[in-house]
Amino acid sequence: NSELYFIDKCGHAPMMEVPDEFNV
């Protein structure tokens, strides 16, 4: 029961590197 999202131009810590996209 999983869903997957990729974020571009982003490494191993998305919540640090692209917090706005991650939070949305």
PDBML (XML) file of the C-alpha atoms, coordinates in Angstrom:
<?xml version="1.0" encoding="UTF-8" ?>
<PDBx:datablock datablockName="MODEL"
   xmlns:PDBx="http://pdbml.pdb.org/schema/pdbx-v50.xsd"
   xmlns:xsi="http://www.w3.org/2001/XMLSchema-instance"
   xsi:schemaLocation="http://pdbml.pdb.org/schema/pdbx-v50.xsd pdbx-v50.xsd">
   <PDBx:atom_siteCategory>
      <PDBx:atom_site id="1">
         <PDBx:B_iso_or_equiv>0.00</PDBx:B_iso_or_equiv>
         <PDBx:Cartn_x>0.000</PDBx:Cartn_x>
         <PDBx:Cartn_y>0.000</PDBx:Cartn_y>
         <PDBx:Cartn_z>0.000</PDBx:Cartn_z>
         <PDBx:auth_asym_id>A</PDBx:auth_asym_id>
         <PDBx:auth_atom_id>CA</PDBx:auth_atom_id>
         <PDBx:auth_comp_id>ASN</PDBx:auth_comp_id>
         <PDBx:auth_seq_id>1</PDBx:auth_seq_id>
         <PDBx:group_PDB>ATOM</PDBx:group_PDB>
         <PDBx:label_alt_id xsi:nil="true" />
         <PDBx:label_asym_id>A</PDBx:label_asym_id>
         <PDBx:label_atom_id>CA</PDBx:label_atom_id>
         <PDBx:label_comp_id>ASN</PDBx:label_comp_id>
         <PDBx:label_entity_id>1</PDBx:label_entity_id>
         <PDBx:label_seq_id>1</PDBx:label_seq_id>
         <PDBx:occupancy>1.00</PDBx:occupancy>
         <PDBx:pdbx_PDB_model_num>1</PDBx:pdbx_PDB_model_num>
         <PDBx:type_symbol>C</PDBx:type_symbol>
      </PDBx:atom_site>
      <PDBx:atom_site id="2">
         <PDBx:B_iso_or_equiv>0.00</PDBx:B_iso_or_equiv>
         <PDBx:Cartn_x>2.736</PDBx:Cartn_x>
         <PDBx:Cartn_y>2.465</PDBx:Cartn_y>
         <PDBx:Cartn_z>-0.993</PDBx:Cartn_z>
         <PDBx:auth_asym_id>A</PDBx:auth_asym_id>
         <PDBx:auth_atom_id>CA</PDBx:auth_atom_id>
         <PDBx:auth_comp_id>SER</PDBx:auth_comp_id>
         <PDBx:auth_seq_id>2</PDBx:auth_seq_id>
         <PDBx:group_PDB>ATOM</PDBx:group_PDB>
         <PDBx:label_alt_id xsi:nil="true" />
         <PDBx:label_asym_id>A</PDBx:label_asym_id>
         <PDBx:label_atom_id>CA</PDBx:label_atom_id>
         <PDBx:label_comp_id>SER</PDBx:label_comp_id>
         <PDBx:label_entity_id>1</PDBx:label_entity_id>
         <PDBx:label_seq_id>2</PDBx:label_seq_id>
         <PDBx:occupancy>1.00</PDBx:occupancy>
         <PDBx:pdbx_PDB_model_num>1</PDBx:pdbx_PDB_model_num>
         <PDBx:type_symbol>C</PDBx:type_symbol>
      </PDBx:atom_site>
      <PDBx:atom_site id="3">
         <PDBx:B_iso_or_equiv>0.00</PDBx:B_iso_or_equiv>
         <PDBx:Cartn_x>2.978</PDBx:Cartn_x>
         <PDBx:Cartn_y>5.499</PDBx:Cartn_y>
         <PDBx:Cartn_z>-3.255</PDBx:Cartn_z>
         <PDBx:auth_asym_id>A</PDBx:auth_asym_id>
         <PDBx:auth_atom_id>CA</PDBx:auth_atom_id>
         <PDBx:auth_comp_id>GLU</PDBx:auth_comp_id>
         <PDBx:auth_seq_id>3</PDBx:auth_seq_id>
         <PDBx:group_PDB>ATOM</PDBx:group_PDB>
         <PDBx:label_alt_id xsi:nil="true" />
         <PDBx:label_asym_id>A</PDBx:label_asym_id>
         <PDBx:label_atom_id>CA</PDBx:label_atom_id>
         <PDBx:label_comp_id>GLU</PDBx:label_comp_id>
         <PDBx:label_entity_id>1</PDBx:label_entity_id>
         <PDBx:label_seq_id>3</PDBx:label_seq_id>
         <PDBx:occupancy>1.00</PDBx:occupancy>
         <PDBx:pdbx_PDB_model_num>1</PDBx:pdbx_PDB_model_num>
         <PDBx:type_symbol>C</PDBx:type_symbol>
      </PDBx:atom_site>
      <PDBx:atom_site id="4">
         <PDBx:B_iso_or_equiv>0.00</PDBx:B_iso_or_equiv>
         <PDBx:Cartn_x>6.204</PDBx:Cartn_x>
         <PDBx:Cartn_y>6.997</PDBx:Cartn_y>
         <PDBx:Cartn_z>-4.576</PDBx:Cartn_z>
         <PDBx:auth_asym_id>A</PDBx:auth_asym_id>
         <PDBx:auth_atom_id>CA</PDBx:auth_atom_id>
         <PDBx:auth_comp_id>LEU</PDBx:auth_comp_id>
         <PDBx:auth_seq_id>4</PDBx:auth_seq_id>
         <PDBx:group_PDB>ATOM</PDBx:group_PDB>
         <PDBx:label_alt_id xsi:nil="true" />
         <PDBx:label_asym_id>A</PDBx:label_asym_id>
         <PDBx:label_atom_id>CA</PDBx:label_atom_id>
         <PDBx:label_comp_id>LEU</PDBx:label_comp_id>
         <PDBx:label_entity_id>1</PDBx:label_entity_id>
         <PDBx:label_seq_id>4</PDBx:label_seq_id>
         <PDBx:occupancy>1.00</PDBx:occupancy>
         <PDBx:pdbx_PDB_model_num>1</PDBx:pdbx_PDB_model_num>
         <PDBx:type_symbol>C</PDBx:type_symbol>
      </PDBx:atom_site>
      <PDBx:atom_site id="5">
         <PDBx:B_iso_or_equiv>0.00</PDBx:B_iso_or_equiv>
         <PDBx:Cartn_x>7.178</PDBx:Cartn_x>
         <PDBx:Cartn_y>10.585</PDBx:Cartn_y>
         <PDBx:Cartn_z>-5.420</PDBx:Cartn_z>
         <PDBx:auth_asym_id>A</PDBx:auth_asym_id>
         <PDBx:auth_atom_id>CA</PDBx:auth_atom_id>
         <PDBx:auth_comp_id>TYR</PDBx:auth_comp_id>
         <PDBx:auth_seq_id>5</PDBx:auth_seq_id>
         <PDBx:group_PDB>ATOM</PDBx:group_PDB>
         <PDBx:label_alt_id xsi:nil="true" />
         <PDBx:label_asym_id>A</PDBx:label_asym_id>
         <PDBx:label_atom_id>CA</PDBx:label_atom_id>
         <PDBx:label_comp_id>TYR</PDBx:label_comp_id>
         <PDBx:label_entity_id>1</PDBx:label_entity_id>
         <PDBx:label_seq_id>5</PDBx:label_seq_id>
         <PDBx:occupancy>1.00</PDBx:occupancy>
         <PDBx:pdbx_PDB_model_num>1</PDBx:pdbx_PDB_model_num>
         <PDBx:type_symbol>C</PDBx:type_symbol>
      </PDBx:atom_site>
      <PDBx:atom_site id="6">
         <PDBx:B_iso_or_equiv>0.00</PDBx:B_iso_or_equiv>
         <PDBx:Cartn_x>10.511</PDBx:Cartn_x>
         <PDBx:Cartn_y>11.696</PDBx:Cartn_y>
         <PDBx:Cartn_z>-6.855</PDBx:Cartn_z>
         <PDBx:auth_asym_id>A</PDBx:auth_asym_id>
         <PDBx:auth_atom_id>CA</PDBx:auth_atom_id>
         <PDBx:auth_comp_id>PHE</PDBx:auth_comp_id>
         <PDBx:auth_seq_id>6</PDBx:auth_seq_id>
         <PDBx:group_PDB>ATOM</PDBx:group_PDB>
         <PDBx:label_alt_id xsi:nil="true" />
         <PDBx:label_asym_id>A</PDBx:label_asym_id>
         <PDBx:label_atom_id>CA</PDBx:label_atom_id>
         <PDBx:label_comp_id>PHE</PDBx:label_comp_id>
         <PDBx:label_entity_id>1</PDBx:label_entity_id>
         <PDBx:label_seq_id>6</PDBx:label_seq_id>
         <PDBx:occupancy>1.00</PDBx:occupancy>
         <PDBx:pdbx_PDB_model_num>1</PDBx:pdbx_PDB_model_num>
         <PDBx:type_symbol>C</PDBx:type_symbol>
      </PDBx:atom_site>
      <PDBx:atom_site id="7">
         <PDBx:B_iso_or_equiv>0.00</PDBx:B_iso_or_equiv>
         <PDBx:Cartn_x>11.855</PDBx:Cartn_x>
         <PDBx:Cartn_y>15.227</PDBx:Cartn_y>
         <PDBx:Cartn_z>-6.451</PDBx:Cartn_z>
         <PDBx:auth_asym_id>A</PDBx:auth_asym_id>
         <PDBx:auth_atom_id>CA</PDBx:auth_atom_id>
         <PDBx:auth_comp_id>ILE</PDBx:auth_comp_id>
         <PDBx:auth_seq_id>7</PDBx:auth_seq_id>
         <PDBx:group_PDB>ATOM</PDBx:group_PDB>
         <PDBx:label_alt_id xsi:nil="true" />
         <PDBx:label_asym_id>A</PDBx:label_asym_id>
         <PDBx:label_atom_id>CA</PDBx:label_atom_id>
         <PDBx:label_comp_id>ILE</PDBx:label_comp_id>
         <PDBx:label_entity_id>1</PDBx:label_entity_id>
         <PDBx:label_seq_id>7</PDBx:label_seq_id>
         <PDBx:occupancy>1.00</PDBx:occupancy>
         <PDBx:pdbx_PDB_model_num>1</PDBx:pdbx_PDB_model_num>
         <PDBx:type_symbol>C</PDBx:type_symbol>
      </PDBx:atom_site>
      <PDBx:atom_site id="8">
         <PDBx:B_iso_or_equiv>0.00</PDBx:B_iso_or_equiv>
         <PDBx:Cartn_x>14.303</PDBx:Cartn_x>
         <PDBx:Cartn_y>16.537</PDBx:Cartn_y>
         <PDBx:Cartn_z>-9.055</PDBx:Cartn_z>
         <PDBx:auth_asym_id>A</PDBx:auth_asym_id>
         <PDBx:auth_atom_id>CA</PDBx:auth_atom_id>
         <PDBx:auth_comp_id>ASP</PDBx:auth_comp_id>
         <PDBx:auth_seq_id>8</PDBx:auth_seq_id>
         <PDBx:group_PDB>ATOM</PDBx:group_PDB>
         <PDBx:label_alt_id xsi:nil="true" />
         <PDBx:label_asym_id>A</PDBx:label_asym_id>
         <PDBx:label_atom_id>CA</PDBx:label_atom_id>
         <PDBx:label_comp_id>ASP</PDBx:label_comp_id>
         <PDBx:label_entity_id>1</PDBx:label_entity_id>
         <PDBx:label_seq_id>8</PDBx:label_seq_id>
         <PDBx:occupancy>1.00</PDBx:occupancy>
         <PDBx:pdbx_PDB_model_num>1</PDBx:pdbx_PDB_model_num>
         <PDBx:type_symbol>C</PDBx:type_symbol>
      </PDBx:atom_site>
      <PDBx:atom_site id="9">
         <PDBx:B_iso_or_equiv>0.00</PDBx:B_iso_or_equiv>
         <PDBx:Cartn_x>17.627</PDBx:Cartn_x>
         <PDBx:Cartn_y>18.189</PDBx:Cartn_y>
         <PDBx:Cartn_z>-8.206</PDBx:Cartn_z>
         <PDBx:auth_asym_id>A</PDBx:auth_asym_id>
         <PDBx:auth_atom_id>CA</PDBx:auth_atom_id>
         <PDBx:auth_comp_id>LYS</PDBx:auth_comp_id>
         <PDBx:auth_seq_id>9</PDBx:auth_seq_id>
         <PDBx:group_PDB>ATOM</PDBx:group_PDB>
         <PDBx:label_alt_id xsi:nil="true" />
         <PDBx:label_asym_id>A</PDBx:label_asym_id>
         <PDBx:label_atom_id>CA</PDBx:label_atom_id>
         <PDBx:label_comp_id>LYS</PDBx:label_comp_id>
         <PDBx:label_entity_id>1</PDBx:label_entity_id>
         <PDBx:label_seq_id>9</PDBx:label_seq_id>
         <PDBx:occupancy>1.00</PDBx:occupancy>
         <PDBx:pdbx_PDB_model_num>1</PDBx:pdbx_PDB_model_num>
         <PDBx:type_symbol>C</PDBx:type_symbol>
      </PDBx:atom_site>
      <PDBx:atom_site id="10">
         <PDBx:B_iso_or_equiv>0.00</PDBx:B_iso_or_equiv>
         <PDBx:Cartn_x>17.513</PDBx:Cartn_x>
         <PDBx:Cartn_y>16.619</PDBx:Cartn_y>
         <PDBx:Cartn_z>-4.778</PDBx:Cartn_z>
         <PDBx:auth_asym_id>A</PDBx:auth_asym_id>
         <PDBx:auth_atom_id>CA</PDBx:auth_atom_id>
         <PDBx:auth_comp_id>CYS</PDBx:auth_comp_id>
         <PDBx:auth_seq_id>10</PDBx:auth_seq_id>
         <PDBx:group_PDB>ATOM</PDBx:group_PDB>
         <PDBx:label_alt_id xsi:nil="true" />
         <PDBx:label_asym_id>A</PDBx:label_asym_id>
         <PDBx:label_atom_id>CA</PDBx:label_atom_id>
         <PDBx:label_comp_id>CYS</PDBx:label_comp_id>
         <PDBx:label_entity_id>1</PDBx:label_entity_id>
         <PDBx:label_seq_id>10</PDBx:label_seq_id>
         <PDBx:occupancy>1.00</PDBx:occupancy>
         <PDBx:pdbx_PDB_model_num>1</PDBx:pdbx_PDB_model_num>
         <PDBx:type_symbol>C</PDBx:type_symbol>
      </PDBx:atom_site>
      <PDBx:atom_site id="11">
         <PDBx:B_iso_or_equiv>0.00</PDBx:B_iso_or_equiv>
         <PDBx:Cartn_x>19.785</PDBx:Cartn_x>
         <PDBx:Cartn_y>14.196</PDBx:Cartn_y>
         <PDBx:Cartn_z>-2.900</PDBx:Cartn_z>
         <PDBx:auth_asym_id>A</PDBx:auth_asym_id>
         <PDBx:auth_atom_id>CA</PDBx:auth_atom_id>
         <PDBx:auth_comp_id>GLY</PDBx:auth_comp_id>
         <PDBx:auth_seq_id>11</PDBx:auth_seq_id>
         <PDBx:group_PDB>ATOM</PDBx:group_PDB>
         <PDBx:label_alt_id xsi:nil="true" />
         <PDBx:label_asym_id>A</PDBx:label_asym_id>
         <PDBx:label_atom_id>CA</PDBx:label_atom_id>
         <PDBx:label_comp_id>GLY</PDBx:label_comp_id>
         <PDBx:label_entity_id>1</PDBx:label_entity_id>
         <PDBx:label_seq_id>11</PDBx:label_seq_id>
         <PDBx:occupancy>1.00</PDBx:occupancy>
         <PDBx:pdbx_PDB_model_num>1</PDBx:pdbx_PDB_model_num>
         <PDBx:type_symbol>C</PDBx:type_symbol>
      </PDBx:atom_site>
      <PDBx:atom_site id="12">
         <PDBx:B_iso_or_equiv>0.00</PDBx:B_iso_or_equiv>
         <PDBx:Cartn_x>19.480</PDBx:Cartn_x>
         <PDBx:Cartn_y>11.975</PDBx:Cartn_y>
         <PDBx:Cartn_z>0.181</PDBx:Cartn_z>
         <PDBx:auth_asym_id>A</PDBx:auth_asym_id>
         <PDBx:auth_atom_id>CA</PDBx:auth_atom_id>
         <PDBx:auth_comp_id>HIS</PDBx:auth_comp_id>
         <PDBx:auth_seq_id>12</PDBx:auth_seq_id>
         <PDBx:group_PDB>ATOM</PDBx:group_PDB>
         <PDBx:label_alt_id xsi:nil="true" />
         <PDBx:label_asym_id>A</PDBx:label_asym_id>
         <PDBx:label_atom_id>CA</PDBx:label_atom_id>
         <PDBx:label_comp_id>HIS</PDBx:label_comp_id>
         <PDBx:label_entity_id>1</PDBx:label_entity_id>
         <PDBx:label_seq_id>12</PDBx:label_seq_id>
         <PDBx:occupancy>1.00</PDBx:occupancy>
         <PDBx:pdbx_PDB_model_num>1</PDBx:pdbx_PDB_model_num>
         <PDBx:type_symbol>C</PDBx:type_symbol>
      </PDBx:atom_site>
      <PDBx:atom_site id="13">
         <PDBx:B_iso_or_equiv>0.00</PDBx:B_iso_or_equiv>
         <PDBx:Cartn_x>17.685</PDBx:Cartn_x>
         <PDBx:Cartn_y>14.398</PDBx:Cartn_y>
         <PDBx:Cartn_z>2.525</PDBx:Cartn_z>
         <PDBx:auth_asym_id>A</PDBx:auth_asym_id>
         <PDBx:auth_atom_id>CA</PDBx:auth_atom_id>
         <PDBx:auth_comp_id>ALA</PDBx:auth_comp_id>
         <PDBx:auth_seq_id>13</PDBx:auth_seq_id>
         <PDBx:group_PDB>ATOM</PDBx:group_PDB>
         <PDBx:label_alt_id xsi:nil="true" />
         <PDBx:label_asym_id>A</PDBx:label_asym_id>
         <PDBx:label_atom_id>CA</PDBx:label_atom_id>
         <PDBx:label_comp_id>ALA</PDBx:label_comp_id>
         <PDBx:label_entity_id>1</PDBx:label_entity_id>
         <PDBx:label_seq_id>13</PDBx:label_seq_id>
         <PDBx:occupancy>1.00</PDBx:occupancy>
         <PDBx:pdbx_PDB_model_num>1</PDBx:pdbx_PDB_model_num>
         <PDBx:type_symbol>C</PDBx:type_symbol>
      </PDBx:atom_site>
      <PDBx:atom_site id="14">
         <PDBx:B_iso_or_equiv>0.00</PDBx:B_iso_or_equiv>
         <PDBx:Cartn_x>14.688</PDBx:Cartn_x>
         <PDBx:Cartn_y>15.918</PDBx:Cartn_y>
         <PDBx:Cartn_z>0.656</PDBx:Cartn_z>
         <PDBx:auth_asym_id>A</PDBx:auth_asym_id>
         <PDBx:auth_atom_id>CA</PDBx:auth_atom_id>
         <PDBx:auth_comp_id>PRO</PDBx:auth_comp_id>
         <PDBx:auth_seq_id>14</PDBx:auth_seq_id>
         <PDBx:group_PDB>ATOM</PDBx:group_PDB>
         <PDBx:label_alt_id xsi:nil="true" />
         <PDBx:label_asym_id>A</PDBx:label_asym_id>
         <PDBx:label_atom_id>CA</PDBx:label_atom_id>
         <PDBx:label_comp_id>PRO</PDBx:label_comp_id>
         <PDBx:label_entity_id>1</PDBx:label_entity_id>
         <PDBx:label_seq_id>14</PDBx:label_seq_id>
         <PDBx:occupancy>1.00</PDBx:occupancy>
         <PDBx:pdbx_PDB_model_num>1</PDBx:pdbx_PDB_model_num>
         <PDBx:type_symbol>C</PDBx:type_symbol>
      </PDBx:atom_site>
      <PDBx:atom_site id="15">
         <PDBx:B_iso_or_equiv>0.00</PDBx:B_iso_or_equiv>
         <PDBx:Cartn_x>13.155</PDBx:Cartn_x>
         <PDBx:Cartn_y>17.414</PDBx:Cartn_y>
         <PDBx:Cartn_z>3.823</PDBx:Cartn_z>
         <PDBx:auth_asym_id>A</PDBx:auth_asym_id>
         <PDBx:auth_atom_id>CA</PDBx:auth_atom_id>
         <PDBx:auth_comp_id>MET</PDBx:auth_comp_id>
         <PDBx:auth_seq_id>15</PDBx:auth_seq_id>
         <PDBx:group_PDB>ATOM</PDBx:group_PDB>
         <PDBx:label_alt_id xsi:nil="true" />
         <PDBx:label_asym_id>A</PDBx:label_asym_id>
         <PDBx:label_atom_id>CA</PDBx:label_atom_id>
         <PDBx:label_comp_id>MET</PDBx:label_comp_id>
         <PDBx:label_entity_id>1</PDBx:label_entity_id>
         <PDBx:label_seq_id>15</PDBx:label_seq_id>
         <PDBx:occupancy>1.00</PDBx:occupancy>
         <PDBx:pdbx_PDB_model_num>1</PDBx:pdbx_PDB_model_num>
         <PDBx:type_symbol>C</PDBx:type_symbol>
      </PDBx:atom_site>
      <PDBx:atom_site id="16">
         <PDBx:B_iso_or_equiv>0.00</PDBx:B_iso_or_equiv>
         <PDBx:Cartn_x>16.329</PDBx:Cartn_x>
         <PDBx:Cartn_y>19.533</PDBx:Cartn_y>
         <PDBx:Cartn_z>4.202</PDBx:Cartn_z>
         <PDBx:auth_asym_id>A</PDBx:auth_asym_id>
         <PDBx:auth_atom_id>CA</PDBx:auth_atom_id>
         <PDBx:auth_comp_id>MET</PDBx:auth_comp_id>
         <PDBx:auth_seq_id>16</PDBx:auth_seq_id>
         <PDBx:group_PDB>ATOM</PDBx:group_PDB>
         <PDBx:label_alt_id xsi:nil="true" />
         <PDBx:label_asym_id>A</PDBx:label_asym_id>
         <PDBx:label_atom_id>CA</PDBx:label_atom_id>
         <PDBx:label_comp_id>MET</PDBx:label_comp_id>
         <PDBx:label_entity_id>1</PDBx:label_entity_id>
         <PDBx:label_seq_id>16</PDBx:label_seq_id>
         <PDBx:occupancy>1.00</PDBx:occupancy>
         <PDBx:pdbx_PDB_model_num>1</PDBx:pdbx_PDB_model_num>
         <PDBx:type_symbol>C</PDBx:type_symbol>
      </PDBx:atom_site>
      <PDBx:atom_site id="17">
         <PDBx:B_iso_or_equiv>0.00</PDBx:B_iso_or_equiv>
         <PDBx:Cartn_x>17.138</PDBx:Cartn_x>
         <PDBx:Cartn_y>20.262</PDBx:Cartn_y>
         <PDBx:Cartn_z>0.574</PDBx:Cartn_z>
         <PDBx:auth_asym_id>A</PDBx:auth_asym_id>
         <PDBx:auth_atom_id>CA</PDBx:auth_atom_id>
         <PDBx:auth_comp_id>GLU</PDBx:auth_comp_id>
         <PDBx:auth_seq_id>17</PDBx:auth_seq_id>
         <PDBx:group_PDB>ATOM</PDBx:group_PDB>
         <PDBx:label_alt_id xsi:nil="true" />
         <PDBx:label_asym_id>A</PDBx:label_asym_id>
         <PDBx:label_atom_id>CA</PDBx:label_atom_id>
         <PDBx:label_comp_id>GLU</PDBx:label_comp_id>
         <PDBx:label_entity_id>1</PDBx:label_entity_id>
         <PDBx:label_seq_id>17</PDBx:label_seq_id>
         <PDBx:occupancy>1.00</PDBx:occupancy>
         <PDBx:pdbx_PDB_model_num>1</PDBx:pdbx_PDB_model_num>
         <PDBx:type_symbol>C</PDBx:type_symbol>
      </PDBx:atom_site>
      <PDBx:atom_site id="18">
         <PDBx:B_iso_or_equiv>0.00</PDBx:B_iso_or_equiv>
         <PDBx:Cartn_x>13.676</PDBx:Cartn_x>
         <PDBx:Cartn_y>20.944</PDBx:Cartn_y>
         <PDBx:Cartn_z>-0.893</PDBx:Cartn_z>
         <PDBx:auth_asym_id>A</PDBx:auth_asym_id>
         <PDBx:auth_atom_id>CA</PDBx:auth_atom_id>
         <PDBx:auth_comp_id>VAL</PDBx:auth_comp_id>
         <PDBx:auth_seq_id>18</PDBx:auth_seq_id>
         <PDBx:group_PDB>ATOM</PDBx:group_PDB>
         <PDBx:label_alt_id xsi:nil="true" />
         <PDBx:label_asym_id>A</PDBx:label_asym_id>
         <PDBx:label_atom_id>CA</PDBx:label_atom_id>
         <PDBx:label_comp_id>VAL</PDBx:label_comp_id>
         <PDBx:label_entity_id>1</PDBx:label_entity_id>
         <PDBx:label_seq_id>18</PDBx:label_seq_id>
         <PDBx:occupancy>1.00</PDBx:occupancy>
         <PDBx:pdbx_PDB_model_num>1</PDBx:pdbx_PDB_model_num>
         <PDBx:type_symbol>C</PDBx:type_symbol>
      </PDBx:atom_site>
      <PDBx:atom_site id="19">
         <PDBx:B_iso_or_equiv>0.00</PDBx:B_iso_or_equiv>
         <PDBx:Cartn_x>11.467</PDBx:Cartn_x>
         <PDBx:Cartn_y>21.415</PDBx:Cartn_y>
         <PDBx:Cartn_z>2.181</PDBx:Cartn_z>
         <PDBx:auth_asym_id>A</PDBx:auth_asym_id>
         <PDBx:auth_atom_id>CA</PDBx:auth_atom_id>
         <PDBx:auth_comp_id>PRO</PDBx:auth_comp_id>
         <PDBx:auth_seq_id>19</PDBx:auth_seq_id>
         <PDBx:group_PDB>ATOM</PDBx:group_PDB>
         <PDBx:label_alt_id xsi:nil="true" />
         <PDBx:label_asym_id>A</PDBx:label_asym_id>
         <PDBx:label_atom_id>CA</PDBx:label_atom_id>
         <PDBx:label_comp_id>PRO</PDBx:label_comp_id>
         <PDBx:label_entity_id>1</PDBx:label_entity_id>
         <PDBx:label_seq_id>19</PDBx:label_seq_id>
         <PDBx:occupancy>1.00</PDBx:occupancy>
         <PDBx:pdbx_PDB_model_num>1</PDBx:pdbx_PDB_model_num>
         <PDBx:type_symbol>C</PDBx:type_symbol>
      </PDBx:atom_site>
      <PDBx:atom_site id="20">
         <PDBx:B_iso_or_equiv>0.00</PDBx:B_iso_or_equiv>
         <PDBx:Cartn_x>8.636</PDBx:Cartn_x>
         <PDBx:Cartn_y>23.250</PDBx:Cartn_y>
         <PDBx:Cartn_z>0.391</PDBx:Cartn_z>
         <PDBx:auth_asym_id>A</PDBx:auth_asym_id>
         <PDBx:auth_atom_id>CA</PDBx:auth_atom_id>
         <PDBx:auth_comp_id>ASP</PDBx:auth_comp_id>
         <PDBx:auth_seq_id>20</PDBx:auth_seq_id>
         <PDBx:group_PDB>ATOM</PDBx:group_PDB>
         <PDBx:label_alt_id xsi:nil="true" />
         <PDBx:label_asym_id>A</PDBx:label_asym_id>
         <PDBx:label_atom_id>CA</PDBx:label_atom_id>
         <PDBx:label_comp_id>ASP</PDBx:label_comp_id>
         <PDBx:label_entity_id>1</PDBx:label_entity_id>
         <PDBx:label_seq_id>20</PDBx:label_seq_id>
         <PDBx:occupancy>1.00</PDBx:occupancy>
         <PDBx:pdbx_PDB_model_num>1</PDBx:pdbx_PDB_model_num>
         <PDBx:type_symbol>C</PDBx:type_symbol>
      </PDBx:atom_site>
      <PDBx:atom_site id="21">
         <PDBx:B_iso_or_equiv>0.00</PDBx:B_iso_or_equiv>
         <PDBx:Cartn_x>8.082</PDBx:Cartn_x>
         <PDBx:Cartn_y>20.488</PDBx:Cartn_y>
         <PDBx:Cartn_z>-2.176</PDBx:Cartn_z>
         <PDBx:auth_asym_id>A</PDBx:auth_asym_id>
         <PDBx:auth_atom_id>CA</PDBx:auth_atom_id>
         <PDBx:auth_comp_id>GLU</PDBx:auth_comp_id>
         <PDBx:auth_seq_id>21</PDBx:auth_seq_id>
         <PDBx:group_PDB>ATOM</PDBx:group_PDB>
         <PDBx:label_alt_id xsi:nil="true" />
         <PDBx:label_asym_id>A</PDBx:label_asym_id>
         <PDBx:label_atom_id>CA</PDBx:label_atom_id>
         <PDBx:label_comp_id>GLU</PDBx:label_comp_id>
         <PDBx:label_entity_id>1</PDBx:label_entity_id>
         <PDBx:label_seq_id>21</PDBx:label_seq_id>
         <PDBx:occupancy>1.00</PDBx:occupancy>
         <PDBx:pdbx_PDB_model_num>1</PDBx:pdbx_PDB_model_num>
         <PDBx:type_symbol>C</PDBx:type_symbol>
      </PDBx:atom_site>
      <PDBx:atom_site id="22">
         <PDBx:B_iso_or_equiv>0.00</PDBx:B_iso_or_equiv>
         <PDBx:Cartn_x>8.527</PDBx:Cartn_x>
         <PDBx:Cartn_y>17.817</PDBx:Cartn_y>
         <PDBx:Cartn_z>0.481</PDBx:Cartn_z>
         <PDBx:auth_asym_id>A</PDBx:auth_asym_id>
         <PDBx:auth_atom_id>CA</PDBx:auth_atom_id>
         <PDBx:auth_comp_id>PHE</PDBx:auth_comp_id>
         <PDBx:auth_seq_id>22</PDBx:auth_seq_id>
         <PDBx:group_PDB>ATOM</PDBx:group_PDB>
         <PDBx:label_alt_id xsi:nil="true" />
         <PDBx:label_asym_id>A</PDBx:label_asym_id>
         <PDBx:label_atom_id>CA</PDBx:label_atom_id>
         <PDBx:label_comp_id>PHE</PDBx:label_comp_id>
         <PDBx:label_entity_id>1</PDBx:label_entity_id>
         <PDBx:label_seq_id>22</PDBx:label_seq_id>
         <PDBx:occupancy>1.00</PDBx:occupancy>
         <PDBx:pdbx_PDB_model_num>1</PDBx:pdbx_PDB_model_num>
         <PDBx:type_symbol>C</PDBx:type_symbol>
      </PDBx:atom_site>
      <PDBx:atom_site id="23">
         <PDBx:B_iso_or_equiv>0.00</PDBx:B_iso_or_equiv>
         <PDBx:Cartn_x>5.937</PDBx:Cartn_x>
         <PDBx:Cartn_y>19.426</PDBx:Cartn_y>
         <PDBx:Cartn_z>2.778</PDBx:Cartn_z>
         <PDBx:auth_asym_id>A</PDBx:auth_asym_id>
         <PDBx:auth_atom_id>CA</PDBx:auth_atom_id>
         <PDBx:auth_comp_id>ASN</PDBx:auth_comp_id>
         <PDBx:auth_seq_id>23</PDBx:auth_seq_id>
         <PDBx:group_PDB>ATOM</PDBx:group_PDB>
         <PDBx:label_alt_id xsi:nil="true" />
         <PDBx:label_asym_id>A</PDBx:label_asym_id>
         <PDBx:label_atom_id>CA</PDBx:label_atom_id>
         <PDBx:label_comp_id>ASN</PDBx:label_comp_id>
         <PDBx:label_entity_id>1</PDBx:label_entity_id>
         <PDBx:label_seq_id>23</PDBx:label_seq_id>
         <PDBx:occupancy>1.00</PDBx:occupancy>
         <PDBx:pdbx_PDB_model_num>1</PDBx:pdbx_PDB_model_num>
         <PDBx:type_symbol>C</PDBx:type_symbol>
      </PDBx:atom_site>
      <PDBx:atom_site id="24">
         <PDBx:B_iso_or_equiv>0.00</PDBx:B_iso_or_equiv>
         <PDBx:Cartn_x>3.357</PDBx:Cartn_x>
         <PDBx:Cartn_y>19.769</PDBx:Cartn_y>
         <PDBx:Cartn_z>-0.010</PDBx:Cartn_z>
         <PDBx:auth_asym_id>A</PDBx:auth_asym_id>
         <PDBx:auth_atom_id>CA</PDBx:auth_atom_id>
         <PDBx:auth_comp_id>VAL</PDBx:auth_comp_id>
         <PDBx:auth_seq_id>24</PDBx:auth_seq_id>
         <PDBx:group_PDB>ATOM</PDBx:group_PDB>
         <PDBx:label_alt_id xsi:nil="true" />
         <PDBx:label_asym_id>A</PDBx:label_asym_id>
         <PDBx:label_atom_id>CA</PDBx:label_atom_id>
         <PDBx:label_comp_id>VAL</PDBx:label_comp_id>
         <PDBx:label_entity_id>1</PDBx:label_entity_id>
         <PDBx:label_seq_id>24</PDBx:label_seq_id>
         <PDBx:occupancy>1.00</PDBx:occupancy>
         <PDBx:pdbx_PDB_model_num>1</PDBx:pdbx_PDB_model_num>
         <PDBx:type_symbol>C</PDBx:type_symbol>
      </PDBx:atom_site>
   </PDBx:atom_siteCategory>
</PDBx:datablock>
